[in-house]
Every structure is written in structure tokens, then in C-alpha cells.
Protein backbone atom coordinates (compact mmCIF):
# COMPACT_ATOMS: atom_id res chain seq x y z
CA UNK A 1 0.03 -0.03 0.07
CA UNK A 2 1.58 3.25 -1.21
CA UNK A 3 2.04 5.32 2.15
CA UNK A 4 1.61 8.48 0.05
CA UNK A 5 -1.99 7.44 -0.48
CA UNK A 6 -3.20 8.15 3.03
CA UNK A 7 -6.90 7.93 3.87
CA UNK A 8 -7.62 11.48 3.00
CA UNK A 9 -5.27 11.72 0.04
CA UNK A 10 -6.93 8.52 -1.43
CA UNK A 11 -10.25 10.32 -2.16
CA UNK A 12 -10.97 10.39 -5.80
CA UNK A 13 -11.40 13.62 -7.75
CA UNK A 14 -15.15 13.93 -7.02
CA UNK A 15 -15.13 12.89 -3.39
CA UNK A 16 -13.74 16.09 -1.94
CA UNK A 17 -16.64 18.01 -3.43
CA UNK A 18 -19.18 15.95 -1.64
CA UNK A 19 -17.20 16.09 1.61
CA UNK A 20 -16.93 19.91 1.62
CA UNK A 21 -20.52 20.28 0.44
CA UNK A 22 -21.65 18.19 3.42
CA UNK A 23 -23.01 15.50 1.08
CA UNK A 24 -22.01 11.73 1.14
CA UNK A 25 -19.26 10.56 -1.07
CA UNK A 26 -20.08 7.77 -3.48
CA UNK A 27 -17.95 4.81 -4.62
CA UNK A 28 -16.28 4.92 -7.87
CA UNK A 29 -17.55 1.82 -9.67
CA UNK A 30 -14.41 1.13 -11.63
CA UNK A 31 -12.17 1.37 -8.51
CA UNK A 32 -14.56 -0.70 -6.53
CA UNK A 33 -14.72 -3.42 -9.24
CA UNK A 34 -10.96 -3.51 -9.37
CA UNK A 35 -10.49 -3.85 -5.69
CA UNK A 36 -13.26 -6.48 -5.41
CA UNK A 37 -11.17 -8.41 -7.99
CA UNK A 38 -7.92 -7.75 -6.27
CA UNK A 39 -9.38 -8.93 -2.98
CA UNK A 40 -10.26 -12.30 -4.43
CA UNK A 41 -6.85 -12.49 -6.09
CA UNK A 42 -4.92 -11.93 -2.82
CA UNK A 43 -7.05 -14.51 -0.96
CA UNK A 44 -6.43 -16.96 -3.90
CA UNK A 45 -2.67 -16.43 -3.17
CA UNK A 46 -3.00 -18.06 0.20
CA UNK A 47 -5.87 -20.51 -0.61
CA UNK A 48 -4.91 -22.58 -2.49
CA UNK A 49 -1.67 -20.92 -3.95
CA UNK A 50 0.71 -20.68 -1.10
CA UNK A 51 -0.70 -23.83 0.54
CA UNK A 52 0.05 -25.85 -2.70
CA UNK A 53 3.46 -24.17 -3.12
CA UNK A 54 4.44 -25.05 0.43
CA UNK A 55 2.67 -28.41 0.31
CA UNK A 56 4.63 -29.64 -2.65
CA UNK A 57 7.95 -28.77 -1.08
CA UNK A 58 7.57 -30.87 2.08
CA UNK A 59 7.47 -34.64 2.40
CA UNK A 60 4.26 -36.39 1.40
CA UNK A 61 3.66 -37.29 5.11
CA UNK A 62 3.46 -33.57 6.00
CA UNK A 63 1.42 -32.32 3.02
CA UNK A 64 -1.91 -32.15 4.75
CA UNK A 65 -0.44 -30.48 7.84
CA UNK A 66 0.83 -27.59 5.69
CA UNK A 67 -2.60 -27.24 4.01
CA UNK A 68 -4.25 -27.33 7.40
CA UNK A 69 -1.99 -24.63 8.86
CA UNK A 70 -2.63 -22.30 5.92
CA UNK A 71 -6.38 -22.95 6.10
CA UNK A 72 -6.66 -22.59 9.77
CA UNK A 73 -4.54 -19.36 9.88
CA UNK A 74 -6.84 -17.84 7.10
CA UNK A 75 -9.91 -18.49 9.25
CA UNK A 76 -8.37 -17.33 12.54
CA UNK A 77 -6.80 -14.20 11.06
CA UNK A 78 -10.09 -13.23 9.51
CA UNK A 79 -11.82 -13.28 12.92
CA UNK A 80 -9.13 -11.40 14.71
CA UNK A 81 -8.91 -8.80 11.89
CA UNK A 82 -12.57 -8.12 12.31
CA UNK A 83 -12.43 -8.11 16.11
CA UNK A 84 -9.44 -5.85 16.63
CA UNK A 85 -6.62 -6.09 13.97
CA UNK A 86 -8.22 -3.65 11.59
CA UNK A 87 -8.83 -1.08 14.18
CA UNK A 88 -5.21 -1.25 15.38
CA UNK A 89 -3.92 -0.93 11.76
CA UNK A 90 -6.35 1.63 10.38
CA UNK A 91 -8.32 3.11 13.24
CA UNK A 92 -8.41 6.98 13.42
CA UNK A 93 -6.83 7.02 16.86
CA UNK A 94 -9.98 8.29 18.71
CA UNK A 95 -9.87 7.52 22.37
CA UNK A 96 -6.05 7.11 22.55
CA UNK A 97 -3.57 9.32 24.30
CA UNK A 98 -2.19 12.32 22.35
CA UNK A 99 0.52 11.15 20.01
CA UNK A 100 -0.38 7.42 20.42
CA UNK A 101 -2.13 7.56 17.10
CA UNK A 102 1.32 7.53 15.56
CA UNK A 103 1.85 4.09 17.02
CA UNK A 104 -1.48 2.33 16.72
CA UNK A 105 -4.96 3.08 15.49
CA UNK A 106 -6.76 2.58 18.81
CA UNK A 107 -9.99 0.73 19.33
CA UNK A 108 -12.57 2.90 17.69
CA UNK A 109 -13.20 0.42 14.85
CA UNK A 110 -13.34 -2.90 16.68
CA UNK A 111 -15.73 -5.20 15.01
CA UNK A 112 -16.09 -2.46 12.37
CA UNK A 113 -17.75 -0.03 14.72
CA UNK A 114 -18.96 3.06 12.89
CA UNK A 115 -18.64 1.46 9.51
CA UNK A 116 -21.72 1.00 7.40
CA UNK A 117 -22.64 0.49 3.76
CA UNK A 118 -22.22 4.20 3.01
CA UNK A 119 -18.86 4.58 4.79
CA UNK A 120 -16.14 5.42 2.25
CA UNK A 121 -12.34 4.89 2.24
CA UNK A 122 -11.26 7.12 -0.65
CA UNK A 123 -13.22 6.04 -3.73
CA UNK A 124 -14.18 2.56 -2.47
CA UNK A 125 -16.56 1.46 0.37
CA UNK A 126 -14.61 1.01 3.62
CA UNK A 127 -16.07 -2.49 4.02
CA UNK A 128 -14.25 -3.43 0.81
CA UNK A 129 -11.01 -1.87 1.92
CA UNK A 130 -11.37 -3.82 5.15
CA UNK A 131 -11.67 -7.08 3.09
CA UNK A 132 -8.74 -6.18 0.89
CA UNK A 133 -6.54 -5.54 3.89
CA UNK A 134 -7.80 -8.74 5.56
CA UNK A 135 -6.31 -10.81 2.73
CA UNK A 136 -2.91 -9.25 3.45
CA UNK A 137 -3.41 -10.02 7.26
CA UNK A 138 -4.08 -13.66 6.10
CA UNK A 139 -1.17 -14.26 3.85
CA UNK A 140 1.51 -12.63 6.01
CA UNK A 141 1.42 -15.11 9.03
CA UNK A 142 0.74 -17.81 6.48
CA UNK A 143 4.14 -17.17 4.90
CA UNK A 144 5.85 -18.13 8.17
CA UNK A 145 4.40 -21.66 7.76
CA UNK A 146 7.13 -22.46 5.34
CA UNK A 147 9.82 -21.92 8.03
CA UNK A 148 8.47 -24.30 10.72
CA UNK A 149 6.98 -26.82 8.30
CA UNK A 150 7.21 -30.55 9.32
CA UNK A 151 7.83 -30.14 12.91
CA UNK A 152 5.66 -27.31 14.47
CA UNK A 153 3.02 -28.04 17.14
CA UNK A 154 -0.34 -27.02 15.66
CA UNK A 155 -1.54 -25.34 18.84
CA UNK A 156 1.73 -23.32 18.94
CA UNK A 157 1.11 -22.31 15.32
CA UNK A 158 -2.26 -20.98 16.15
CA UNK A 159 -1.25 -19.15 19.35
CA UNK A 160 1.77 -17.57 17.71
CA UNK A 161 -0.08 -16.49 14.70
CA UNK A 162 -2.92 -14.93 16.63
CA UNK A 163 -0.74 -12.88 18.98
CA UNK A 164 1.73 -12.05 16.23
CA UNK A 165 -1.04 -10.54 14.01
CA UNK A 166 -1.97 -8.10 16.85
CA UNK A 167 1.46 -7.33 18.11
CA UNK A 168 3.65 -7.28 15.06
CA UNK A 169 1.63 -7.09 11.81
CA UNK A 170 -1.15 -4.71 12.72
CA UNK A 171 1.06 -2.01 14.44
CA UNK A 172 3.61 -2.08 11.62
CA UNK A 173 0.79 -1.78 9.11
CA UNK A 174 -0.41 1.31 11.02
CA UNK A 175 3.15 2.78 11.09
CA UNK A 176 3.50 2.64 7.32
CA UNK A 177 -0.05 2.43 5.75
CA UNK A 178 -2.29 3.80 8.43
CA UNK A 179 -0.84 7.21 8.80
CA UNK A 180 1.62 6.29 11.58
CA UNK A 181 5.01 7.76 12.36
CA UNK A 182 6.98 5.77 9.49
CA UNK A 183 4.47 7.16 6.98
CA UNK A 184 5.00 10.63 8.22
CA UNK A 185 8.80 10.17 7.82
CA UNK A 186 8.18 9.22 4.21
CA UNK A 187 8.97 5.52 4.20
CA UNK A 188 7.83 3.98 0.82
CA UNK A 189 6.24 0.53 0.81
CA UNK A 190 3.79 0.23 -1.92
CA UNK A 191 2.53 -3.35 -1.25
CA UNK A 192 4.33 -4.87 1.61
CA UNK A 193 8.08 -5.32 1.30
CA UNK A 194 8.31 -4.29 4.99
CA UNK A 195 4.67 -4.72 6.23
CA UNK A 196 4.47 -8.28 4.74
CA UNK A 197 7.80 -9.77 3.75
CA UNK A 198 10.19 -8.26 6.28
CA UNK A 199 7.99 -8.90 9.26
CA UNK A 200 7.25 -12.49 8.12
CA UNK A 201 10.80 -13.18 7.13
CA UNK A 202 12.41 -11.97 10.40
CA UNK A 203 9.75 -13.71 12.55
CA UNK A 204 10.28 -16.98 10.54
CA UNK A 205 13.95 -16.78 11.36
CA UNK A 206 13.31 -16.23 15.07
CA UNK A 207 10.80 -19.03 15.16
CA UNK A 208 13.01 -21.73 13.73
CA UNK A 209 16.05 -20.61 15.73
CA UNK A 210 14.04 -21.07 18.94
CA UNK A 211 12.42 -24.23 17.84
CA UNK A 212 15.41 -26.16 16.46
CA UNK A 213 16.30 -28.22 13.43
CA UNK A 214 14.41 -31.05 11.83
CA UNK A 215 15.71 -34.54 12.44
CA UNK A 216 18.35 -35.36 9.82
CA UNK A 217 18.72 -31.73 8.73
CA UNK A 218 21.34 -31.53 5.94
CA UNK A 219 22.16 -35.22 6.43
CA UNK A 220 19.03 -37.22 5.65
CA UNK A 221 16.99 -34.55 3.91
CA UNK A 222 14.04 -35.49 1.53
CA UNK A 223 13.53 -33.69 -1.81
CA UNK A 224 10.22 -32.02 -2.46
CA UNK A 225 7.62 -34.71 -2.82
CA UNK A 226 5.62 -32.97 -5.57
CA UNK A 227 7.21 -30.43 -7.76
CA UNK A 228 4.04 -30.22 -9.84
CA UNK A 229 2.22 -28.90 -6.76
CA UNK A 230 4.95 -26.40 -6.31
CA UNK A 231 4.63 -25.17 -9.89
CA UNK A 232 0.81 -24.94 -9.66
CA UNK A 233 1.10 -23.05 -6.36
CA UNK A 234 3.61 -20.72 -7.67
CA UNK A 235 1.63 -20.02 -10.76
CA UNK A 236 -1.37 -19.10 -8.48
CA UNK A 237 0.95 -16.79 -6.50
CA UNK A 238 2.14 -15.18 -9.71
CA UNK A 239 -1.41 -14.42 -10.93
CA UNK A 240 -2.69 -13.42 -7.42
CA UNK A 241 0.26 -11.04 -7.01
CA UNK A 242 -1.33 -8.83 -9.71
CA UNK A 243 -4.10 -8.17 -7.14
CA UNK A 244 -1.54 -7.90 -4.34
CA UNK A 245 0.54 -5.16 -6.04
CA UNK A 246 -1.96 -3.77 -8.62
CA UNK A 247 -4.72 -3.55 -6.03
CA UNK A 248 -2.49 -1.59 -3.69
CA UNK A 249 -3.06 1.51 -5.88
CA UNK A 250 -6.61 1.28 -4.49
CA UNK A 251 -8.03 2.21 -7.87
CA UNK A 252 -8.36 1.23 -11.46
CA UNK A 253 -5.70 3.69 -12.76
CA UNK A 254 -2.29 4.20 -14.15
CA UNK A 255 -0.62 3.34 -10.90
CA UNK A 256 -2.28 -0.04 -10.86
CA UNK A 257 -1.36 -0.73 -14.45
CA UNK A 258 2.28 0.14 -13.91
CA UNK A 259 2.37 -1.88 -10.66
CA UNK A 260 1.00 -4.87 -12.62
CA UNK A 261 3.56 -4.41 -15.42
CA UNK A 262 6.57 -4.13 -13.15
CA UNK A 263 5.43 -7.05 -10.99
CA UNK A 264 5.34 -9.34 -14.08
CA UNK A 265 8.74 -8.30 -15.42
CA UNK A 266 10.45 -8.73 -12.01
CA UNK A 267 8.94 -12.11 -11.53
CA UNK A 268 9.86 -13.36 -15.00
CA UNK A 269 13.39 -12.05 -14.77
CA UNK A 270 14.06 -13.46 -11.36
CA UNK A 271 12.70 -16.90 -12.30
CA UNK A 272 14.82 -17.15 -15.43
CA UNK A 273 18.01 -15.86 -13.73
CA UNK A 274 17.52 -18.31 -10.82
CA UNK A 275 17.11 -21.10 -13.31
CA UNK A 276 20.40 -20.15 -15.06
CA UNK A 277 22.26 -20.02 -11.78
CA UNK A 278 20.95 -23.45 -10.67
CA UNK A 279 21.63 -24.89 -14.13
CA UNK A 280 25.16 -23.70 -14.08
CA UNK A 281 25.82 -24.91 -10.48
CA UNK A 282 24.20 -28.27 -10.67
CA UNK A 283 23.95 -29.02 -14.31
CA UNK A 284 20.20 -29.28 -14.35
CA UNK A 285 17.49 -26.64 -14.40
CA UNK A 286 14.66 -27.55 -12.07
CA UNK A 287 10.98 -26.65 -11.81
CA UNK A 288 11.32 -26.09 -8.10
CA UNK A 289 14.15 -23.69 -8.76
CA UNK A 290 12.47 -21.58 -11.39
CA UNK A 291 9.36 -21.33 -9.28
CA UNK A 292 11.37 -20.28 -6.23
CA UNK A 293 13.15 -17.59 -8.29
CA UNK A 294 9.74 -16.26 -9.37
CA UNK A 295 8.64 -15.88 -5.72
CA UNK A 296 11.85 -14.02 -4.98
CA UNK A 297 11.24 -11.60 -7.82
CA UNK A 298 7.61 -10.96 -6.64
CA UNK A 299 8.65 -10.41 -3.05
CA UNK A 300 11.48 -7.96 -4.08
CA UNK A 301 9.35 -5.88 -6.43
CA UNK A 302 6.54 -5.55 -3.90
CA UNK A 303 7.69 -2.51 -1.98
CA UNK A 304 8.85 -0.76 -5.23
CA UNK A 305 5.92 -1.54 -7.48
CA UNK A 306 4.62 1.96 -7.17
CA UNK A 307 8.04 3.67 -7.47
CA UNK A 308 9.87 2.07 -10.44
CA UNK A 309 9.34 1.56 -14.12
CA UNK A 310 9.93 -1.60 -16.24
CA UNK A 311 13.69 -0.98 -16.52
CA UNK A 312 13.91 -0.75 -12.68
CA UNK A 313 11.74 -3.93 -12.50
CA UNK A 314 14.24 -5.84 -14.76
CA UNK A 315 17.09 -4.87 -12.50
CA UNK A 316 15.20 -5.76 -9.35
CA UNK A 317 14.34 -9.24 -10.72
CA UNK A 318 17.95 -9.79 -11.70
CA UNK A 319 19.35 -8.73 -8.36
CA UNK A 320 16.49 -10.66 -6.46
CA UNK A 321 17.54 -13.95 -8.04
CA UNK A 322 21.21 -13.49 -7.21
CA UNK A 323 20.82 -12.08 -3.73
CA UNK A 324 18.09 -14.42 -2.53
CA UNK A 325 19.90 -17.43 -4.02
CA UNK A 326 23.07 -16.52 -2.09
CA UNK A 327 20.90 -15.97 1.03
CA UNK A 328 19.53 -19.51 0.76
CA UNK A 329 23.05 -20.89 0.62
CA UNK A 330 24.16 -18.70 3.53
CA UNK A 331 21.24 -19.41 5.84
CA UNK A 332 20.85 -23.11 5.09
CA UNK A 333 24.33 -24.35 4.24
CA UNK A 334 26.78 -22.01 5.88
CA UNK A 335 24.82 -20.94 9.03
CA UNK A 336 22.94 -24.32 9.32
CA UNK A 337 19.66 -22.65 10.21
CA UNK A 338 16.69 -24.94 9.37
CA UNK A 339 14.27 -22.51 7.73
CA UNK A 340 12.46 -25.32 6.01
CA UNK A 341 11.36 -23.66 2.88
CA UNK A 342 13.66 -20.60 2.94
CA UNK A 343 11.07 -17.95 4.09
CA UNK A 344 13.67 -15.53 5.41
CA UNK A 345 16.08 -15.89 2.45
CA UNK A 346 13.37 -15.51 -0.21
CA UNK A 347 10.73 -13.23 1.44
CA UNK A 348 12.65 -11.51 4.15
CA UNK A 349 15.73 -10.76 2.14
CA UNK A 350 13.71 -9.94 -0.98
CA UNK A 351 11.40 -7.52 0.80
CA UNK A 352 14.38 -5.81 2.41
CA UNK A 353 16.30 -5.62 -0.85
CA UNK A 354 13.42 -4.10 -2.74
CA UNK A 355 12.87 -1.52 0.00
CA UNK A 356 16.46 -0.36 -0.02
CA UNK A 357 17.06 -0.42 -3.74
CA UNK A 358 13.90 1.63 -4.53
CA UNK A 359 15.47 5.13 -4.36
CA UNK A 360 18.15 4.21 -6.84
CA UNK A 361 15.76 2.99 -9.55
CA UNK A 362 12.87 5.34 -9.05
CA UNK A 363 13.77 7.62 -11.95
CA UNK A 364 15.35 4.96 -14.29
CA UNK A 365 13.88 4.49 -17.72
CA UNK A 366 10.36 5.16 -19.14
CA UNK A 367 7.30 5.07 -16.87
CA UNK A 368 9.51 5.59 -13.78
CA UNK A 369 7.68 8.03 -11.47
CA UNK A 370 10.74 9.36 -9.59
CA UNK A 371 10.97 10.45 -5.97
CA UNK A 372 8.77 13.57 -6.02
CA UNK A 373 11.88 15.90 -5.73
CA UNK A 374 13.40 13.97 -2.83
CA UNK A 375 17.12 13.21 -3.20
CA UNK A 376 18.26 9.61 -3.55
CA UNK A 377 20.36 9.93 -0.40
CA UNK A 378 17.56 11.27 1.64
CA UNK A 379 15.09 8.64 0.42
CA UNK A 380 17.60 5.84 1.08
CA UNK A 381 18.08 7.04 4.61
CA UNK A 382 14.43 6.98 5.32
CA UNK A 383 14.09 3.52 3.68
CA UNK A 384 17.00 2.24 5.75
CA UNK A 385 15.43 3.49 8.91
CA UNK A 386 12.13 1.75 8.05
CA UNK A 387 13.96 -1.50 7.54
CA UNK A 388 15.77 -1.29 10.79
CA UNK A 389 12.79 -0.42 12.84
CA UNK A 390 10.55 -2.99 11.30
CA UNK A 391 13.15 -5.77 11.54
CA UNK A 392 14.14 -4.97 15.23
CA UNK A 393 10.47 -4.76 16.30
CA UNK A 394 9.65 -8.03 14.53
CA UNK A 395 12.58 -9.81 16.08
CA UNK A 396 11.96 -8.59 19.67
CA UNK A 397 8.23 -9.12 19.59
CA UNK A 398 8.58 -12.52 18.05
CA UNK A 399 10.91 -13.62 20.77
CA UNK A 400 8.64 -12.42 23.52
CA UNK A 401 5.59 -14.02 21.85
CA UNK A 402 7.28 -17.45 21.41
CA UNK A 403 8.54 -17.41 25.06
CA UNK A 404 4.94 -16.89 26.08
CA UNK A 405 3.65 -19.62 23.81
CA UNK A 406 6.26 -22.02 25.23
CA UNK A 407 4.70 -21.52 28.65
CA UNK A 408 1.45 -22.86 27.32
CA UNK A 409 2.52 -25.57 24.87
CA UNK A 410 5.78 -26.88 23.20
CA UNK A 411 6.69 -25.20 19.91
CA UNK A 412 7.38 -28.50 18.18
CA UNK A 413 5.99 -32.01 18.18
CA UNK A 414 7.89 -34.95 19.77
CA UNK A 415 10.44 -37.01 17.83
CA UNK A 416 8.08 -40.02 17.15
CA UNK A 417 5.40 -37.64 15.77
CA UNK A 418 7.89 -35.84 13.54
CA UNK A 419 9.14 -39.18 12.22
CA UNK A 420 5.62 -40.41 11.65
CA UNK A 421 4.59 -37.26 9.90
CA UNK A 422 2.28 -34.51 11.10
CA UNK A 423 -0.50 -35.60 8.80
CA UNK A 424 -1.16 -38.79 10.80
CA UNK A 425 0.25 -37.80 14.25
CA UNK A 426 -1.44 -34.37 14.48
CA UNK A 427 -4.50 -34.51 12.17
CA UNK A 428 -5.25 -38.25 11.94
CA UNK A 429 -5.32 -38.05 8.13
CA UNK A 430 -3.11 -39.01 5.22
CA UNK A 431 -2.78 -37.67 1.68
CA UNK A 432 -2.55 -41.15 0.22
């Protein structure tokens, strides 16, 4: 979500007239139709896109557990977003202490209090904006599933995800997209390089470091059980990302069109470059590799989708493949951290990379919108501050949340259950 498009600034050309005239603002039908479509696309990214992508990467005895975790998180986050998450992220701050509105949105919109069918958010109904943002709140904790896959205790997953949404995701969303203090400083994050990918990536790393490695990590590892599922899920993510990035313009306009264009170019470039790297290193290009590169390209373009043109997207995709590929090797092989499906290396590193490189590419080539008169050095300093703040908060809060969860239930299943597979041991079902 482009932080420049604040709730007031997001009003369409005709909305201010109605506001100042004391008359109700009306939804723009084109904008509303596009965000309705984008909302469905972003939910499609999690169910079934991300679920199949992750499910194909694990052993067959853990396929259903990954699908279940994604499905249950989608349900639980939806309820919590309605109850309080949306208010924390996008509340107007009524009822909080002076200055606290820079940190969180307060409780004025719990259970959508004060929102009805005529309430507008810019040129779209606020109920639709709520739904669009809910799909982001669903996929962000679901991304973390890939880190602890094949060994996490299901109750711990639910407890962590619930508290994490309210303590990490919703406040960071308010800071950057809800008119909070990072937005006031000028941090640019069009669709979630920080809000989604950095928070999820850092928290995923914390989770697996506190939980420990899988049995046989790097010694008796199993290849992805179904590369076809991986490709199908990745393709769904690619298509859904047009709603993720394009919808973040909050209107059917040129910004949405450019966001869709650069999203596709970055994904295609990163996928192809990742394939070439893997082909050169191992002698064979793999379906899993090209799909993973695509996700890296998508994660990296996300914060910059409103700030770069197609030439910048090409460079971002190229760098995403190289940097995220190196991050996978560093985290998994060199540091021996068992981030099962490389959530931090792909999403965390990608989101941070895209956030930091944005100022250098904002004016490069045709269709590039520039920095609105801000210098590259100044913009980079603001972006760097945003990265540091979001990463540090995600790290500290995740540690505290996990310590609390451990007081209630273990973070991981026992050795016998892990060996048997979570499908049977946790859910009493098998995919076969």
C-alpha cells in the first residue's frame, strides 16, 4: 500500500466536493470493481496458492499439515482482523492518548464499529477496503508456515499467529500504511516489502532458531515430494500478485497498471535468472528452482511496485535472483539454520532488498515516477530507517511471543510424531 495514499489523500477527484458540500461521497464503480477483483486474487494467493506451493515442497507425510496450517490461519486471522486487528492498523486513533495515534490506531473500529454500507475509504466502500486488507493479514502469517513446516506443534502455530498478528503485523501496518510515524517520515512500501515480507521473514527466522532443526537436517533430507504442486501453487501466486501489487493502488488507474507491469517483469526475470544460476551450478534446471526464483522476484518488487518503471523492475528481478539465491546458501548451508522452505532468504531478504534499492531505481527508464523531488540519499536514509525499525520490532516481539507460547505448549512435536509425519500424528489423516 503506497504510504503516500493516506486515507484523506486517497479520495477520488469527486469525493472532496461531496465532503466539503456536506453530502455523502459515493464509490467509484471502476475502482470498486478492481479492488473487489484484487481482494479475491490476494485470498487466492493463500488458498490454495501458497498452501500448494509449500505443500509440494515438504515430504508427502506432511502435506496435509501444511494445507491445514494455511487454512486454519486464514480462518483465525479473518476473525481477529474483524475483532481488533483492523482497528489497530487503520483506526483513526480516537480515544487514545495524544501522540499514540502515531503508534497504533486505537479501538474505535473494533468489529467495524462506525462502518456501514455508506462509509467510504477514498473512492471505495470501507467494507471493501477492510476485506482487501484482511487478505494481506491472512497471507503474512501464512508465509511463516514455510519456516517451521514438518515439525511445529499445531496449537503453537495458532497461538503464535494470533498474537503475532496483533503485536507485530497490525502495528507495523499502522506505522506505514495507516498514517503512523513511519508514514510521516516518508517510508515507501507500496504493497508490503516491510509490512508483509520483512515482518514475516524476520519472525520466521526467530521461530526456527528458537524451535530447533528437523531430524536429519542436511544429512538425511528429503527432496520436495511433488514439484508439480510447487509449480501450480507458484503460478497461482504469480497471478494473485497482480491483485496484491496492482490492487495496492486502491483504484483502477495508471498506478495499478504500472504496478502490474513491473510485477510481471520482475517475476519473470528473477525466475529465469535463478534457473540459469541453478543450471550452471548443478547441471540441471529444475522446476522447483524456477518457481522459487519467481517468488523471490515477486517479493522484491513488492515495496517498489509503485516507485519504479519496467527497467527498474528488470534490474530488481535480476538482483533478487542472485541475492536471494546467495541468502539461501548462507542461511541453510553456511549458518545451518533450518528455515524449512527458505522463508527468510526469499521473502525477508527479498522484501528488504526491494525496499532499500527503490530510491536508486525510481527515476530509471520510461514510466519511472521518480521520488517527487526527494534526493536519492535522503530517500535511502528513510528507507533504511524503516527496515531497521521493522526488523528490530519483529525480532524482539517474536521472541517475546514465542517465550509466552512455550509457557502454554511446546513449539514442536515430539520425535516420534515428527518421524511419523504430522498428517497422521497431528491430524489423523493421510494424503494417500
